Amino acid sequence: MTFQKITKLVGSSNKILLISHEYPDGDALGSMLALKLSLEKIGKYIDCFCSSSVPAVFDFLPQSDCIKQDFLLGDYDLIVILDCGDSRRTGFSDRLKEFTQHKRKIINIDHHPKNDLHKIAQYNIVSYDASSTSEIVYELIRELKIPLDKYIALNLLCGLYTDTGSFKHSNTTPKTLKIASELLRKGARLKRITENVINNHSLASLRLWGIALSRLAINKKYRVASSALTLEDIKYCNATKDDVAGIVNMINTIPDINVSMFLYQLDTDTIKGSLRTEKSDINVTKIAGIFGGGGLKKASGFTIKGKILVEGNSFRVKYS
């Protein structure tokens, strides 16, 4: 999909709703907030929506306090969905289908493998080669001829930085680094991102990570490293669910493993799973798909109904 039809559609729309996925990460938030700030520069009324609250670690992002957790369909001419691998992850898949029945348009901007949003949306701006959705939004903003400022640039840089694992993953391309360089020139400060995302761990979060690492298990046959946390662990450490962010990436630094998996209890009967790999011949999206999840080839996730049971330093899952 070229940007020409998209720019025309955006130009003819006045009230636009931006939506990203539940439990948002740096790319989901960065791409959405950057597009919000950009479209407001050309006189558009913009609302941002996410069914989950913004993790505290991303409170530093410009306009992060403007994200709403509910909306009325009749209020908008156009919906743009960003960085969402599946309509269910918006939290309102039925409502999105209703929106299209009223002959109003949905744009899907993403870098995940093809999913049901491709059928729901009338327009898909999807690039599997892009490091992040923020990289695609950067190109769209340029196509719209909207000048970048330091606030837009910071949001976009956060998306690039987090989805490339601090520019360490193999999805970091020369194009990605060139865009990052331009964002720095426009006033984004990498230090603000590292201070908040990487170097900002409370005592409670470090204790929680300690429990996760003490529970680490390695399957020698398949070389899978895994760990898990319960609601009781989070409560014991006086931590929050935001404090689990980054644990799966730490597990993934263990040498000679194929896949890292981290599970934690979202609520009394729901478990969130995260999968990572650095192996070029392994696709964790396929593993996540077994459990109804999805994502990227090297970073995917899923949710299942069940409870994590702990015995000493070992754990198991009891399915509901």
C-alpha atoms as a PDB file:
ATOM      1  CA  MET A   1       0.000   0.000   0.000  1.00  0.00           C
ATOM      2  CA  THR A   2       1.417   3.374  -1.021  1.00  0.00           C
ATOM      3  CA  PHE A   3       0.879   6.396   1.190  1.00  0.00           C
ATOM      4  CA  GLN A   4      -1.042   8.378  -1.470  1.00  0.00           C
ATOM      5  CA  LYS A   5      -4.516   7.045  -0.649  1.00  0.00           C
ATOM      6  CA  ILE A   6      -3.767   7.270   3.066  1.00  0.00           C
ATOM      7  CA  THR A   7      -2.748  10.920   2.949  1.00  0.00           C
ATOM      8  CA  LYS A   8      -5.914  11.735   0.984  1.00  0.00           C
ATOM      9  CA  LEU A   9      -8.097   9.873   3.501  1.00  0.00           C
ATOM     10  CA  VAL A  10      -6.404  11.553   6.464  1.00  0.00           C
ATOM     11  CA  GLY A  11      -6.786  14.929   4.770  1.00  0.00           C
ATOM     12  CA  SER A  12     -10.543  14.475   4.383  1.00  0.00           C
ATOM     13  CA  SER A  13     -11.090  13.319   7.977  1.00  0.00           C
ATOM     14  CA  ASN A  14     -11.547  15.729  10.870  1.00  0.00           C
ATOM     15  CA  LYS A  15     -11.971  13.547  13.967  1.00  0.00           C
ATOM     16  CA  ILE A  16      -9.558  10.619  14.105  1.00  0.00           C
ATOM     17  CA  LEU A  17      -9.180   7.899  16.717  1.00  0.00           C
ATOM     18  CA  LEU A  18      -5.815   6.202  17.203  1.00  0.00           C
ATOM     19  CA  ILE A  19      -5.808   2.759  18.836  1.00  0.00           C
ATOM     20  CA  SER A  20      -2.997   0.472  19.906  1.00  0.00           C
ATOM     21  CA  HIS A  21      -2.844  -2.888  21.629  1.00  0.00           C
ATOM     22  CA  GLU A  22      -3.464  -3.812  25.249  1.00  0.00           C
ATOM     23  CA  TYR A  23      -0.461  -3.872  27.609  1.00  0.00           C
ATOM     24  CA  PRO A  24       1.309  -1.359  25.349  1.00  0.00           C
ATOM     25  CA  ASP A  25       5.057  -1.307  24.819  1.00  0.00           C
ATOM     26  CA  GLY A  26       7.354   1.489  23.708  1.00  0.00           C
ATOM     27  CA  ASP A  27       6.602   1.059  20.009  1.00  0.00           C
ATOM     28  CA  ALA A  28       2.826   0.930  20.480  1.00  0.00           C
ATOM     29  CA  LEU A  29       2.867   4.119  22.545  1.00  0.00           C
ATOM     30  CA  GLY A  30       5.628   5.901  20.644  1.00  0.00           C
ATOM     31  CA  SER A  31       4.065   5.402  17.215  1.00  0.00           C
ATOM     32  CA  MET A  32       0.584   6.380  18.418  1.00  0.00           C
ATOM     33  CA  LEU A  33       1.661   9.507  20.285  1.00  0.00           C
ATOM     34  CA  ALA A  34       3.968  10.635  17.473  1.00  0.00           C
ATOM     35  CA  LEU A  35       1.109  10.348  14.983  1.00  0.00           C
ATOM     36  CA  LYS A  36      -1.224  12.218  17.364  1.00  0.00           C
ATOM     37  CA  LEU A  37       1.160  15.149  17.719  1.00  0.00           C
ATOM     38  CA  SER A  38       1.790  15.210  13.975  1.00  0.00           C
ATOM     39  CA  LEU A  39      -1.854  15.170  12.890  1.00  0.00           C
ATOM     40  CA  GLU A  40      -2.735  17.880  15.402  1.00  0.00           C
ATOM     41  CA  LYS A  41      -0.240  20.101  13.605  1.00  0.00           C
ATOM     42  CA  ILE A  42      -2.433  20.003  10.511  1.00  0.00           C
ATOM     43  CA  GLY A  43      -5.614  20.800  12.414  1.00  0.00           C
ATOM     44  CA  LYS A  44      -7.023  17.337  13.083  1.00  0.00           C
ATOM     45  CA  TYR A  45      -8.919  16.440  16.255  1.00  0.00           C
ATOM     46  CA  ILE A  46      -7.176  13.358  17.638  1.00  0.00           C
ATOM     47  CA  ASP A  47      -7.981  10.952  20.462  1.00  0.00           C
ATOM     48  CA  CYS A  48      -5.731   8.103  21.565  1.00  0.00           C
ATOM     49  CA  PHE A  49      -7.120   4.901  23.010  1.00  0.00           C
ATOM     50  CA  CYS A  50      -5.647   1.840  24.715  1.00  0.00           C
ATOM     51  CA  SER A  51      -7.657  -0.687  26.699  1.00  0.00           C
ATOM     52  CA  SER A  52      -4.825  -0.968  29.261  1.00  0.00           C
ATOM     53  CA  SER A  53      -3.250   1.797  31.306  1.00  0.00           C
ATOM     54  CA  VAL A  54       0.118   3.210  30.271  1.00  0.00           C
ATOM     55  CA  PRO A  55       3.000   1.501  32.127  1.00  0.00           C
ATOM     56  CA  ALA A  56       4.680   3.958  34.494  1.00  0.00           C
ATOM     57  CA  VAL A  57       8.004   3.454  32.723  1.00  0.00           C
ATOM     58  CA  PHE A  58       6.569   5.300  29.695  1.00  0.00           C
ATOM     59  CA  ASP A  59       5.074   8.248  31.570  1.00  0.00           C
ATOM     60  CA  PHE A  60       7.909  10.416  30.236  1.00  0.00           C
ATOM     61  CA  LEU A  61       6.604  10.211  26.661  1.00  0.00           C
ATOM     62  CA  PRO A  62       5.017  13.477  25.482  1.00  0.00           C
ATOM     63  CA  GLN A  63       1.178  13.287  25.581  1.00  0.00           C
ATOM     64  CA  SER A  64       1.146   9.887  27.329  1.00  0.00           C
ATOM     65  CA  ASP A  65      -1.284  11.328  29.883  1.00  0.00           C
ATOM     66  CA  CYS A  66      -3.850  11.952  27.114  1.00  0.00           C
ATOM     67  CA  ILE A  67      -4.494   8.297  26.303  1.00  0.00           C
ATOM     68  CA  LYS A  68      -8.081   7.256  27.023  1.00  0.00           C
ATOM     69  CA  GLN A  69      -9.428   3.810  27.889  1.00  0.00           C
ATOM     70  CA  ASP A  70     -12.853   4.033  26.257  1.00  0.00           C
ATOM     71  CA  PHE A  71     -14.485   5.638  23.216  1.00  0.00           C
ATOM     72  CA  LEU A  72     -17.760   6.098  21.363  1.00  0.00           C
ATOM     73  CA  LEU A  73     -17.698   5.045  17.717  1.00  0.00           C
ATOM     74  CA  GLY A  74     -20.015   7.803  16.556  1.00  0.00           C
ATOM     75  CA  ASP A  75     -17.499  10.461  17.522  1.00  0.00           C
ATOM     76  CA  TYR A  76     -14.966   9.685  14.749  1.00  0.00           C
ATOM     77  CA  ASP A  77     -14.609   9.844  10.959  1.00  0.00           C
ATOM     78  CA  LEU A  78     -11.595   7.550  10.838  1.00  0.00           C
ATOM     79  CA  ILE A  79      -9.826   4.966  13.009  1.00  0.00           C
ATOM     80  CA  VAL A  80      -6.102   4.226  12.769  1.00  0.00           C
ATOM     81  CA  ILE A  81      -4.875   1.047  14.491  1.00  0.00           C
ATOM     82  CA  LEU A  82      -1.164   0.909  15.244  1.00  0.00           C
ATOM     83  CA  ASP A  83       1.224  -1.934  16.104  1.00  0.00           C
ATOM     84  CA  CYS A  84      -1.569  -4.418  16.772  1.00  0.00           C
ATOM     85  CA  GLY A  85      -1.025  -8.038  15.751  1.00  0.00           C
ATOM     86  CA  ASP A  86      -4.690  -9.007  16.160  1.00  0.00           C
ATOM     87  CA  SER A  87      -8.033  -7.218  16.482  1.00  0.00           C
ATOM     88  CA  ARG A  88      -8.641  -8.949  19.823  1.00  0.00           C
ATOM     89  CA  ARG A  89      -5.619  -7.174  21.268  1.00  0.00           C
ATOM     90  CA  THR A  90      -7.376  -3.842  20.865  1.00  0.00           C
ATOM     91  CA  GLY A  91      -9.918  -5.000  23.453  1.00  0.00           C
ATOM     92  CA  PHE A  92     -12.761  -3.930  21.168  1.00  0.00           C
ATOM     93  CA  SER A  93     -12.758  -6.170  18.091  1.00  0.00           C
ATOM     94  CA  ASP A  94     -16.574  -6.306  17.883  1.00  0.00           C
ATOM     95  CA  ARG A  95     -16.803  -2.537  18.068  1.00  0.00           C
ATOM     96  CA  LEU A  96     -14.298  -2.156  15.231  1.00  0.00           C
ATOM     97  CA  LYS A  97     -16.348  -4.424  12.985  1.00  0.00           C
ATOM     98  CA  GLU A  98     -19.409  -2.330  13.821  1.00  0.00           C
ATOM     99  CA  PHE A  99     -17.510   0.805  12.789  1.00  0.00           C
ATOM    100  CA  THR A 100     -16.879  -0.598   9.298  1.00  0.00           C
ATOM    101  CA  GLN A 101     -20.546  -1.560   8.931  1.00  0.00           C
ATOM    102  CA  HIS A 102     -21.364   2.149   9.053  1.00  0.00           C
ATOM    103  CA  LYS A 103     -19.146   2.619   5.955  1.00  0.00           C
ATOM    104  CA  ARG A 104     -16.395   4.387   7.851  1.00  0.00           C
ATOM    105  CA  LYS A 105     -12.748   3.631   7.287  1.00  0.00           C
ATOM    106  CA  ILE A 106     -10.031   1.897   9.304  1.00  0.00           C
ATOM    107  CA  ILE A 107      -6.315   2.159   8.575  1.00  0.00           C
ATOM    108  CA  ASN A 108      -4.020  -0.576   9.897  1.00  0.00           C
ATOM    109  CA  ILE A 109      -0.361   0.417  10.404  1.00  0.00           C
ATOM    110  CA  ASP A 110       1.829  -2.461  11.487  1.00  0.00           C
ATOM    111  CA  HIS A 111       4.950  -4.570  11.057  1.00  0.00           C
ATOM    112  CA  HIS A 112       3.547  -7.868  12.396  1.00  0.00           C
ATOM    113  CA  PRO A 113       2.654 -10.884  10.210  1.00  0.00           C
ATOM    114  CA  LYS A 114      -0.710 -10.831   8.459  1.00  0.00           C
ATOM    115  CA  ASN A 115      -3.705 -11.188  10.790  1.00  0.00           C
ATOM    116  CA  ASP A 116      -7.446 -10.522  10.927  1.00  0.00           C
ATOM    117  CA  LEU A 117      -6.945  -6.740  10.990  1.00  0.00           C
ATOM    118  CA  HIS A 118      -5.922  -6.961   7.347  1.00  0.00           C
ATOM    119  CA  LYS A 119      -9.502  -8.011   6.561  1.00  0.00           C
ATOM    120  CA  ILE A 120     -11.215  -5.538   8.882  1.00  0.00           C
ATOM    121  CA  ALA A 121      -9.207  -2.507   7.739  1.00  0.00           C
ATOM    122  CA  GLN A 122      -9.836  -0.972   4.332  1.00  0.00           C
ATOM    123  CA  TYR A 123      -6.249   0.255   4.151  1.00  0.00           C
ATOM    124  CA  ASN A 124      -3.144  -1.572   5.363  1.00  0.00           C
ATOM    125  CA  ILE A 125       0.248   0.088   5.693  1.00  0.00           C
ATOM    126  CA  VAL A 126       2.261  -2.968   6.658  1.00  0.00           C
ATOM    127  CA  SER A 127       5.976  -3.610   6.276  1.00  0.00           C
ATOM    128  CA  TYR A 128       7.433  -6.848   7.597  1.00  0.00           C
ATOM    129  CA  ASP A 129      10.920  -5.453   6.975  1.00  0.00           C
ATOM    130  CA  ALA A 130      10.406  -2.446   9.256  1.00  0.00           C
ATOM    131  CA  SER A 131      12.076  -2.572  12.658  1.00  0.00           C
ATOM    132  CA  SER A 132       8.961  -1.161  14.286  1.00  0.00           C
ATOM    133  CA  THR A 133       5.641   0.521  13.670  1.00  0.00           C
ATOM    134  CA  SER A 134       7.367   3.776  14.633  1.00  0.00           C
ATOM    135  CA  GLU A 135       9.613   3.396  11.599  1.00  0.00           C
ATOM    136  CA  ILE A 136       6.529   3.187   9.351  1.00  0.00           C
ATOM    137  CA  VAL A 137       4.867   6.150  11.086  1.00  0.00           C
ATOM    138  CA  TYR A 138       8.051   8.178  10.520  1.00  0.00           C
ATOM    139  CA  GLU A 139       7.657   7.553   6.758  1.00  0.00           C
ATOM    140  CA  LEU A 140       3.959   8.477   6.888  1.00  0.00           C
ATOM    141  CA  ILE A 141       4.693  11.742   8.686  1.00  0.00           C
ATOM    142  CA  ARG A 142       7.245  12.600   6.007  1.00  0.00           C
ATOM    143  CA  GLU A 143       4.702  11.769   3.282  1.00  0.00           C
ATOM    144  CA  LEU A 144       2.197  14.091   4.962  1.00  0.00           C
ATOM    145  CA  LYS A 145       4.941  16.783   4.913  1.00  0.00           C
ATOM    146  CA  ILE A 146       4.532  17.452   8.622  1.00  0.00           C
ATOM    147  CA  PRO A 147       7.689  18.847  10.231  1.00  0.00           C
ATOM    148  CA  LEU A 148       9.189  16.853  13.069  1.00  0.00           C
ATOM    149  CA  ASP A 149       9.753  18.492  16.446  1.00  0.00           C
ATOM    150  CA  LYS A 150      11.532  17.189  19.537  1.00  0.00           C
ATOM    151  CA  TYR A 151       8.339  15.736  21.032  1.00  0.00           C
ATOM    152  CA  ILE A 152       7.384  13.753  17.932  1.00  0.00           C
ATOM    153  CA  ALA A 153      11.003  12.685  17.539  1.00  0.00           C
ATOM    154  CA  LEU A 154      11.258  11.438  21.135  1.00  0.00           C
ATOM    155  CA  ASN A 155       8.148   9.280  20.762  1.00  0.00           C
ATOM    156  CA  LEU A 156       9.391   7.776  17.507  1.00  0.00           C
ATOM    157  CA  LEU A 157      12.886   7.145  18.871  1.00  0.00           C
ATOM    158  CA  CYS A 158      11.394   5.335  21.868  1.00  0.00           C
ATOM    159  CA  GLY A 159       9.540   3.027  19.478  1.00  0.00           C
ATOM    160  CA  LEU A 160      12.669   2.267  17.471  1.00  0.00           C
ATOM    161  CA  TYR A 161      14.800   1.806  20.579  1.00  0.00           C
ATOM    162  CA  THR A 162      12.486  -0.579  22.420  1.00  0.00           C
ATOM    163  CA  ASP A 163      11.484  -2.748  19.442  1.00  0.00           C
ATOM    164  CA  THR A 164      15.109  -3.281  18.420  1.00  0.00           C
ATOM    165  CA  GLY A 165      16.221  -4.190  21.947  1.00  0.00           C
ATOM    166  CA  SER A 166      18.248  -0.999  22.308  1.00  0.00           C
ATOM    167  CA  PHE A 167      19.464  -1.370  18.699  1.00  0.00           C
ATOM    168  CA  LYS A 168      20.912  -4.812  19.497  1.00  0.00           C
ATOM    169  CA  HIS A 169      18.475  -7.120  17.664  1.00  0.00           C
ATOM    170  CA  SER A 170      18.882  -8.258  14.067  1.00  0.00           C
ATOM    171  CA  ASN A 171      15.933  -6.084  12.976  1.00  0.00           C
ATOM    172  CA  THR A 172      18.225  -3.054  13.403  1.00  0.00           C
ATOM    173  CA  THR A 173      18.937  -2.098   9.797  1.00  0.00           C
ATOM    174  CA  PRO A 174      20.951   0.746   8.244  1.00  0.00           C
ATOM    175  CA  LYS A 175      17.606   2.433   7.549  1.00  0.00           C
ATOM    176  CA  THR A 176      16.630   2.136  11.214  1.00  0.00           C
ATOM    177  CA  LEU A 177      19.863   3.787  12.336  1.00  0.00           C
ATOM    178  CA  LYS A 178      19.527   6.497   9.696  1.00  0.00           C
ATOM    179  CA  ILE A 179      16.038   7.342  10.979  1.00  0.00           C
ATOM    180  CA  ALA A 180      17.288   7.289  14.581  1.00  0.00           C
ATOM    181  CA  SER A 181      20.041   9.712  13.598  1.00  0.00           C
ATOM    182  CA  GLU A 182      17.484  12.072  12.042  1.00  0.00           C
ATOM    183  CA  LEU A 183      15.314  11.908  15.171  1.00  0.00           C
ATOM    184  CA  LEU A 184      18.307  12.824  17.309  1.00  0.00           C
ATOM    185  CA  ARG A 185      18.972  15.789  15.026  1.00  0.00           C
ATOM    186  CA  LYS A 186      15.361  16.891  15.521  1.00  0.00           C
ATOM    187  CA  GLY A 187      15.814  17.036  19.277  1.00  0.00           C
ATOM    188  CA  ALA A 188      15.034  13.552  20.632  1.00  0.00           C
ATOM    189  CA  ARG A 189      17.224  12.690  23.607  1.00  0.00           C
ATOM    190  CA  LEU A 190      18.343   9.083  23.832  1.00  0.00           C
ATOM    191  CA  LYS A 191      19.355   9.610  27.446  1.00  0.00           C
ATOM    192  CA  ARG A 192      15.730  10.289  28.431  1.00  0.00           C
ATOM    193  CA  ILE A 193      14.743   6.938  26.998  1.00  0.00           C
ATOM    194  CA  THR A 194      17.572   4.949  28.593  1.00  0.00           C
ATOM    195  CA  GLU A 195      17.062   6.641  31.964  1.00  0.00           C
ATOM    196  CA  ASN A 196      13.372   5.730  32.001  1.00  0.00           C
ATOM    197  CA  VAL A 197      13.249   2.424  30.147  1.00  0.00           C
ATOM    198  CA  ILE A 198      16.570   0.742  30.936  1.00  0.00           C
ATOM    199  CA  ASN A 199      18.080   2.370  34.016  1.00  0.00           C
ATOM    200  CA  ASN A 200      14.965   2.958  36.074  1.00  0.00           C
ATOM    201  CA  HIS A 201      14.372  -0.033  38.339  1.00  0.00           C
ATOM    202  CA  SER A 202      12.860   0.312  41.801  1.00  0.00           C
ATOM    203  CA  LEU A 203      13.935  -1.837  44.727  1.00  0.00           C
ATOM    204  CA  ALA A 204      10.615  -3.682  44.432  1.00  0.00           C
ATOM    205  CA  SER A 205      11.236  -4.502  40.767  1.00  0.00           C
ATOM    206  CA  LEU A 206      14.773  -5.766  41.465  1.00  0.00           C
ATOM    207  CA  ARG A 207      13.441  -8.068  44.180  1.00  0.00           C
ATOM    208  CA  LEU A 208      10.822  -9.335  41.763  1.00  0.00           C
ATOM    209  CA  TRP A 209      13.465  -9.987  39.099  1.00  0.00           C
ATOM    210  CA  GLY A 210      15.480 -11.883  41.732  1.00  0.00           C
ATOM    211  CA  ILE A 211      12.554 -14.232  42.328  1.00  0.00           C
ATOM    212  CA  ALA A 212      12.122 -14.758  38.591  1.00  0.00           C
ATOM    213  CA  LEU A 213      15.815 -15.570  38.158  1.00  0.00           C
ATOM    214  CA  SER A 214      15.814 -17.944  41.138  1.00  0.00           C
ATOM    215  CA  ARG A 215      12.963 -19.832  39.459  1.00  0.00           C
ATOM    216  CA  LEU A 216      14.759 -20.076  36.110  1.00  0.00           C
ATOM    217  CA  ALA A 217      14.528 -23.487  34.437  1.00  0.00           C
ATOM    218  CA  ILE A 218      16.334 -24.728  31.326  1.00  0.00           C
ATOM    219  CA  ASN A 219      15.125 -27.537  29.126  1.00  0.00           C
ATOM    220  CA  LYS A 220      18.411 -29.061  27.956  1.00  0.00           C
ATOM    221  CA  LYS A 221      16.850 -31.087  25.140  1.00  0.00           C
ATOM    222  CA  TYR A 222      15.209 -28.128  23.397  1.00  0.00           C
ATOM    223  CA  ARG A 223      17.390 -25.423  24.994  1.00  0.00           C
ATOM    224  CA  VAL A 224      14.447 -23.407  26.255  1.00  0.00           C
ATOM    225  CA  ALA A 225      14.931 -21.132  29.275  1.00  0.00           C
ATOM    226  CA  SER A 226      11.801 -20.250  31.227  1.00  0.00           C
ATOM    227  CA  SER A 227      10.601 -18.632  34.418  1.00  0.00           C
ATOM    228  CA  ALA A 228       7.343 -17.464  35.973  1.00  0.00           C
ATOM    229  CA  LEU A 229       5.879 -15.094  38.543  1.00  0.00           C
ATOM    230  CA  THR A 230       2.626 -15.292  40.479  1.00  0.00           C
ATOM    231  CA  LEU A 231       0.347 -12.599  41.833  1.00  0.00           C
ATOM    232  CA  GLU A 232       1.665 -13.502  45.278  1.00  0.00           C
ATOM    233  CA  ASP A 233       5.239 -12.773  44.129  1.00  0.00           C
ATOM    234  CA  ILE A 234       4.239  -9.318  42.911  1.00  0.00           C
ATOM    235  CA  LYS A 235       2.385  -8.580  46.143  1.00  0.00           C
ATOM    236  CA  TYR A 236       5.245  -9.904  48.308  1.00  0.00           C
ATOM    237  CA  CYS A 237       7.727  -7.554  46.627  1.00  0.00           C
ATOM    238  CA  ASN A 238       5.298  -4.606  46.823  1.00  0.00           C
ATOM    239  CA  ALA A 239       5.748  -4.399  43.059  1.00  0.00           C
ATOM    240  CA  THR A 240       3.346  -3.801  40.173  1.00  0.00           C
ATOM    241  CA  LYS A 241       2.724  -5.721  36.962  1.00  0.00           C
ATOM    242  CA  ASP A 242       4.724  -3.035  35.150  1.00  0.00           C
ATOM    243  CA  ASP A 243       7.810  -4.266  37.022  1.00  0.00           C
ATOM    244  CA  VAL A 244       7.875  -7.539  35.060  1.00  0.00           C
ATOM    245  CA  ALA A 245       8.830  -5.667  31.877  1.00  0.00           C
ATOM    246  CA  GLY A 246      12.256  -6.690  30.657  1.00  0.00           C
ATOM    247  CA  ILE A 247      12.510 -10.021  32.478  1.00  0.00           C
ATOM    248  CA  VAL A 248      12.080 -12.077  29.300  1.00  0.00           C
ATOM    249  CA  ASN A 249      14.836 -10.059  27.593  1.00  0.00           C
ATOM    250  CA  MET A 250      17.179 -10.733  30.496  1.00  0.00           C
ATOM    251  CA  ILE A 251      16.459 -14.465  30.290  1.00  0.00           C
ATOM    252  CA  ASN A 252      17.166 -14.265  26.565  1.00  0.00           C
ATOM    253  CA  THR A 253      20.776 -13.214  27.252  1.00  0.00           C
ATOM    254  CA  ILE A 254      21.664 -16.723  28.472  1.00  0.00           C
ATOM    255  CA  PRO A 255      24.210 -18.188  26.022  1.00  0.00           C
ATOM    256  CA  ASP A 256      23.315 -21.172  23.834  1.00  0.00           C
ATOM    257  CA  ILE A 257      19.559 -21.191  24.342  1.00  0.00           C
ATOM    258  CA  ASN A 258      17.078 -21.348  21.503  1.00  0.00           C
ATOM    259  CA  VAL A 259      14.050 -19.720  23.116  1.00  0.00           C
ATOM    260  CA  SER A 260      13.327 -17.813  26.316  1.00  0.00           C
ATOM    261  CA  MET A 261       9.847 -17.859  27.826  1.00  0.00           C
ATOM    262  CA  PHE A 262       8.477 -15.835  30.700  1.00  0.00           C
ATOM    263  CA  LEU A 263       5.037 -16.328  32.260  1.00  0.00           C
ATOM    264  CA  TYR A 264       3.274 -14.197  34.824  1.00  0.00           C
ATOM    265  CA  GLN A 265      -0.158 -14.182  36.361  1.00  0.00           C
ATOM    266  CA  LEU A 266      -2.234 -11.286  35.007  1.00  0.00           C
ATOM    267  CA  ASP A 267      -5.217 -12.017  37.235  1.00  0.00           C
ATOM    268  CA  THR A 268      -6.604 -14.982  39.149  1.00  0.00           C
ATOM    269  CA  ASP A 269      -7.217 -17.100  36.033  1.00  0.00           C
ATOM    270  CA  THR A 270      -5.208 -15.454  33.214  1.00  0.00           C
ATOM    271  CA  ILE A 271      -1.523 -15.959  32.386  1.00  0.00           C
ATOM    272  CA  LYS A 272       0.526 -13.712  30.095  1.00  0.00           C
ATOM    273  CA  GLY A 273       3.353 -15.360  28.190  1.00  0.00           C
ATOM    274  CA  SER A 274       6.297 -13.718  26.411  1.00  0.00           C
ATOM    275  CA  LEU A 275       8.661 -15.462  23.991  1.00  0.00           C
ATOM    276  CA  ARG A 276      12.023 -14.343  22.627  1.00  0.00           C
ATOM    277  CA  THR A 277      14.760 -15.799  20.442  1.00  0.00           C
ATOM    278  CA  GLU A 278      17.925 -14.632  18.739  1.00  0.00           C
ATOM    279  CA  LYS A 279      18.092 -17.627  16.406  1.00  0.00           C
ATOM    280  CA  SER A 280      17.476 -16.826  12.745  1.00  0.00           C
ATOM    281  CA  ASP A 281      15.975 -20.267  12.065  1.00  0.00           C
ATOM    282  CA  ILE A 282      13.401 -20.123  14.893  1.00  0.00           C
ATOM    283  CA  ASN A 283      10.038 -18.353  14.619  1.00  0.00           C
ATOM    284  CA  VAL A 284       8.459 -17.846  18.042  1.00  0.00           C
ATOM    285  CA  THR A 285       5.314 -16.471  16.385  1.00  0.00           C
ATOM    286  CA  LYS A 286       4.431 -20.061  15.499  1.00  0.00           C
ATOM    287  CA  ILE A 287       4.853 -21.112  19.127  1.00  0.00           C
ATOM    288  CA  ALA A 288       2.700 -18.206  20.327  1.00  0.00           C
ATOM    289  CA  GLY A 289       0.114 -19.121  17.687  1.00  0.00           C
ATOM    290  CA  ILE A 290      -0.417 -22.506  19.331  1.00  0.00           C
ATOM    291  CA  PHE A 291      -1.810 -20.615  22.330  1.00  0.00           C
ATOM    292  CA  GLY A 292      -3.803 -18.113  20.268  1.00  0.00           C
ATOM    293  CA  GLY A 293      -1.146 -15.407  20.395  1.00  0.00           C
ATOM    294  CA  GLY A 294       1.185 -13.833  17.882  1.00  0.00           C
ATOM    295  CA  GLY A 295       3.743 -11.125  17.285  1.00  0.00           C
ATOM    296  CA  LEU A 296       7.070 -11.040  15.492  1.00  0.00           C
ATOM    297  CA  LYS A 297       9.411 -13.819  14.420  1.00  0.00           C
ATOM    298  CA  LYS A 298      11.792 -13.150  17.310  1.00  0.00           C
ATOM    299  CA  ALA A 299       9.428 -11.604  19.871  1.00  0.00           C
ATOM    300  CA  SER A 300       5.898 -12.849  20.459  1.00  0.00           C
ATOM    301  CA  GLY A 301       3.341 -13.252  23.205  1.00  0.00           C
ATOM    302  CA  PHE A 302       0.092 -14.899  24.215  1.00  0.00           C
ATOM    303  CA  THR A 303      -2.473 -15.110  27.006  1.00  0.00           C
ATOM    304  CA  ILE A 304      -4.047 -18.298  28.320  1.00  0.00           C
ATOM    305  CA  LYS A 305      -6.545 -19.197  30.984  1.00  0.00           C
ATOM    306  CA  GLY A 306      -4.862 -20.891  33.923  1.00  0.00           C
ATOM    307  CA  LYS A 307      -2.907 -20.533  37.122  1.00  0.00           C
ATOM    308  CA  ILE A 308       0.823 -20.675  37.823  1.00  0.00           C
ATOM    309  CA  LEU A 309       1.588 -23.106  40.639  1.00  0.00           C
ATOM    310  CA  VAL A 310       4.927 -22.855  42.462  1.00  0.00           C
ATOM    311  CA  GLU A 311       6.713 -25.535  44.447  1.00  0.00           C
ATOM    312  CA  GLY A 312      10.068 -24.411  45.806  1.00  0.00           C
ATOM    313  CA  ASN A 313      12.011 -22.961  42.869  1.00  0.00           C
ATOM    314  CA  SER A 314       9.995 -24.835  40.253  1.00  0.00           C
ATOM    315  CA  PHE A 315       6.680 -23.985  38.650  1.00  0.00           C
ATOM    316  CA  ARG A 316       3.951 -25.494  36.504  1.00  0.00           C
ATOM    317  CA  VAL A 317       0.795 -24.285  34.794  1.00  0.00           C
ATOM    318  CA  LYS A 318      -2.676 -25.541  35.652  1.00  0.00           C
ATOM    319  CA  TYR A 319      -4.979 -24.791  32.722  1.00  0.00           C
ATOM    320  CA  SER A 320      -8.536 -23.558  33.314  1.00  0.00           C
END
